């Protein structure tokens, strides 16, 4: 059994409607530090993976510094795509596109979103070593939904910088029973 600990990034400085890749806010930087302390207390050092987006990488840094390890960037852990969302010059339009996606089901999503979810789930199922993965709200939702057989895009509410523990057993992602 492989243990995988997912962590949602700290609070961003700007939301999706105003930035494609926002840094952490001061509160998010504090959350990352506190989250790293909690993870280091609860888990032995293991490889650290991160979404390529800045907020996830910044959240991973305090744990990497604490464990004296590097962060490996993993594209499969990135945020869900929002097809047809306008640029940041149209915040209301971006928010409207995101809200429609949040209320949806994967079976009714564009191919780009379904492909993102498939890549994510395949990546997680293929993990062959324990690791901590810093990622995003909807990424964790996609994993929980797949485990529970729930096709909704939003199925849970992962807080910032709180570890969610899963296991991979025989290429299947399950809730960790430890």
Protein backbone atom coordinates (compact mmCIF):
# COMPACT_ATOMS: atom_id res chain seq x y z
CA UNK A 1 0.00 0.00 0.00
CA UNK A 2 1.24 3.46 -0.94
CA UNK A 3 0.26 6.40 1.29
CA UNK A 4 -0.55 9.67 -0.51
CA UNK A 5 -1.16 12.83 1.50
CA UNK A 6 -2.91 15.59 -0.46
CA UNK A 7 -2.78 19.17 0.76
CA UNK A 8 -4.77 22.06 -0.64
CA UNK A 9 -2.62 25.17 -1.11
CA UNK A 10 -2.83 28.13 1.29
CA UNK A 11 -5.16 31.06 0.71
CA UNK A 12 -4.34 32.91 -2.50
CA UNK A 13 -3.80 36.64 -2.74
CA UNK A 14 -6.23 36.83 -5.67
CA UNK A 15 -9.11 34.60 -6.71
CA UNK A 16 -9.68 32.81 -10.02
CA UNK A 17 -11.67 35.75 -11.30
CA UNK A 18 -8.64 38.09 -10.96
CA UNK A 19 -5.57 35.91 -11.58
CA UNK A 20 -4.54 32.83 -13.50
CA UNK A 21 -1.70 32.04 -11.06
CA UNK A 22 -1.89 34.08 -7.87
CA UNK A 23 0.73 33.94 -5.14
CA UNK A 24 -0.27 33.19 -1.58
CA UNK A 25 -1.69 35.95 0.58
CA UNK A 26 0.00 36.73 3.93
CA UNK A 27 -2.62 34.50 5.57
CA UNK A 28 -1.81 31.77 3.04
CA UNK A 29 1.89 31.97 3.86
CA UNK A 30 1.03 31.54 7.55
CA UNK A 31 -1.24 28.59 6.70
CA UNK A 32 1.60 26.98 4.72
CA UNK A 33 3.97 27.29 7.68
CA UNK A 34 1.42 25.92 10.17
CA UNK A 35 0.44 23.14 7.76
CA UNK A 36 4.09 22.14 7.33
CA UNK A 37 4.50 21.91 11.11
CA UNK A 38 1.40 19.71 11.36
CA UNK A 39 2.47 17.43 8.51
CA UNK A 40 6.01 17.10 9.88
CA UNK A 41 4.57 16.09 13.28
CA UNK A 42 2.23 13.50 11.79
CA UNK A 43 4.29 11.94 9.00
CA UNK A 44 7.85 10.79 8.43
CA UNK A 45 9.67 12.59 5.62
CA UNK A 46 8.63 11.45 2.18
CA UNK A 47 8.90 12.88 -1.36
CA UNK A 48 7.08 16.17 -1.90
CA UNK A 49 5.13 16.79 -5.11
CA UNK A 50 3.43 20.01 -6.18
CA UNK A 51 1.17 21.40 -8.82
CA UNK A 52 3.15 23.72 -11.11
CA UNK A 53 1.00 26.69 -10.01
CA UNK A 54 2.70 29.24 -7.77
CA UNK A 55 0.28 29.01 -4.83
CA UNK A 56 0.84 25.24 -4.52
CA UNK A 57 4.62 25.55 -4.89
CA UNK A 58 4.73 28.28 -2.23
CA UNK A 59 2.65 26.11 0.10
CA UNK A 60 5.05 23.18 -0.35
CA UNK A 61 8.18 25.21 0.44
CA UNK A 62 7.96 25.31 4.27
CA UNK A 63 7.65 21.51 4.42
CA UNK A 64 10.48 21.06 1.92
CA UNK A 65 12.68 23.35 4.04
CA UNK A 66 11.72 21.50 7.22
CA UNK A 67 12.49 18.09 5.69
CA UNK A 68 15.54 19.34 3.76
CA UNK A 69 14.05 18.07 0.52
CA UNK A 70 13.27 19.44 -2.92
CA UNK A 71 9.78 19.80 -4.35
CA UNK A 72 9.08 17.85 -7.55
CA UNK A 73 6.69 19.64 -9.89
CA UNK A 74 3.96 17.39 -11.24
CA UNK A 75 1.74 18.74 -14.05
CA UNK A 76 -1.01 16.18 -13.33
CA UNK A 77 -1.66 17.92 -9.99
CA UNK A 78 -2.56 21.25 -11.60
CA UNK A 79 -5.89 23.04 -11.25
CA UNK A 80 -8.94 21.99 -13.25
CA UNK A 81 -9.24 23.77 -16.61
CA UNK A 82 -12.16 26.14 -17.09
CA UNK A 83 -12.90 26.03 -20.82
CA UNK A 84 -14.08 29.20 -22.49
CA UNK A 85 -13.35 31.35 -19.41
CA UNK A 86 -12.51 34.90 -20.49
CA UNK A 87 -9.28 36.58 -19.43
CA UNK A 88 -8.71 38.35 -16.13
CA UNK A 89 -9.93 41.56 -17.76
CA UNK A 90 -13.46 40.11 -17.39
CA UNK A 91 -13.70 39.00 -13.73
CA UNK A 92 -17.48 38.60 -13.80
CA UNK A 93 -17.29 36.41 -16.88
CA UNK A 94 -14.53 34.29 -15.33
CA UNK A 95 -16.54 33.89 -12.12
CA UNK A 96 -19.65 32.90 -14.09
CA UNK A 97 -17.73 30.18 -15.99
CA UNK A 98 -16.23 28.84 -12.76
CA UNK A 99 -19.59 28.81 -10.97
CA UNK A 100 -21.13 26.79 -13.83
CA UNK A 101 -18.28 24.29 -13.63
CA UNK A 102 -18.57 24.00 -9.82
CA UNK A 103 -22.27 23.15 -10.10
CA UNK A 104 -21.67 20.48 -12.75
CA UNK A 105 -21.05 16.78 -13.17
CA UNK A 106 -18.02 15.30 -14.92
CA UNK A 107 -20.19 13.27 -17.32
CA UNK A 108 -21.53 16.55 -18.72
CA UNK A 109 -18.20 18.41 -18.85
CA UNK A 110 -16.25 19.32 -21.98
CA UNK A 111 -13.63 16.81 -23.15
CA UNK A 112 -10.82 19.03 -21.83
CA UNK A 113 -12.14 18.78 -18.25
CA UNK A 114 -12.76 15.04 -18.50
CA UNK A 115 -9.24 14.54 -19.85
CA UNK A 116 -7.79 16.56 -16.95
CA UNK A 117 -9.64 14.35 -14.44
CA UNK A 118 -8.56 11.17 -16.22
CA UNK A 119 -4.87 12.26 -16.23
CA UNK A 120 -5.08 13.14 -12.54
CA UNK A 121 -6.69 9.86 -11.50
CA UNK A 122 -4.27 7.82 -13.64
CA UNK A 123 -1.30 9.65 -12.15
CA UNK A 124 -2.47 9.05 -8.57
CA UNK A 125 -3.31 5.39 -9.22
CA UNK A 126 0.20 4.84 -10.65
CA UNK A 127 2.05 6.26 -7.62
CA UNK A 128 4.46 3.67 -6.31
CA UNK A 129 5.88 5.44 -3.26
CA UNK A 130 4.54 7.37 -0.29
CA UNK A 131 4.41 11.11 -0.95
CA UNK A 132 2.87 14.45 -0.01
CA UNK A 133 1.17 16.28 -2.88
CA UNK A 134 0.37 20.01 -2.76
CA UNK A 135 -2.53 20.76 -5.04
CA UNK A 136 -5.93 22.44 -5.37
CA UNK A 137 -9.50 22.37 -4.07
CA UNK A 138 -11.02 20.77 -7.16
CA UNK A 139 -8.14 18.32 -7.56
CA UNK A 140 -8.88 16.87 -4.12
CA UNK A 141 -12.59 16.91 -4.98
CA UNK A 142 -11.92 14.91 -8.16
CA UNK A 143 -10.07 12.24 -6.16
CA UNK A 144 -12.71 12.00 -3.42
CA UNK A 145 -15.51 11.90 -6.01
CA UNK A 146 -13.79 9.07 -7.90
CA UNK A 147 -13.30 7.05 -4.69
CA UNK A 148 -16.95 7.57 -3.71
CA UNK A 149 -18.34 7.01 -7.22
CA UNK A 150 -19.76 10.56 -7.19
CA UNK A 151 -19.75 12.33 -10.57
CA UNK A 152 -20.23 15.84 -9.14
CA UNK A 153 -17.36 18.30 -9.53
CA UNK A 154 -17.66 19.43 -5.89
CA UNK A 155 -18.16 16.65 -3.33
CA UNK A 156 -16.20 17.93 -0.31
CA UNK A 157 -14.72 21.10 1.16
CA UNK A 158 -10.98 20.62 1.80
CA UNK A 159 -9.63 23.43 4.00
CA UNK A 160 -6.37 25.18 3.20
CA UNK A 161 -3.20 23.34 4.26
CA UNK A 162 -4.94 20.40 5.97
CA UNK A 163 -3.68 16.94 4.94
CA UNK A 164 -6.09 14.48 3.28
CA UNK A 165 -4.72 10.96 3.44
CA UNK A 166 -5.38 8.35 0.75
CA UNK A 167 -3.82 5.06 -0.25
CA UNK A 168 -3.10 3.37 -3.54
CA UNK A 169 -3.65 -0.37 -3.44
CA UNK A 170 -3.10 -2.36 -6.59
CA UNK A 171 -3.56 0.69 -8.81
CA UNK A 172 -6.77 1.76 -7.07
CA UNK A 173 -7.05 4.93 -4.98
CA UNK A 174 -8.87 4.40 -1.67
CA UNK A 175 -9.29 6.22 1.62
CA UNK A 176 -6.39 5.35 3.90
CA UNK A 177 -7.48 2.90 6.57
CA UNK A 178 -4.55 3.60 8.94
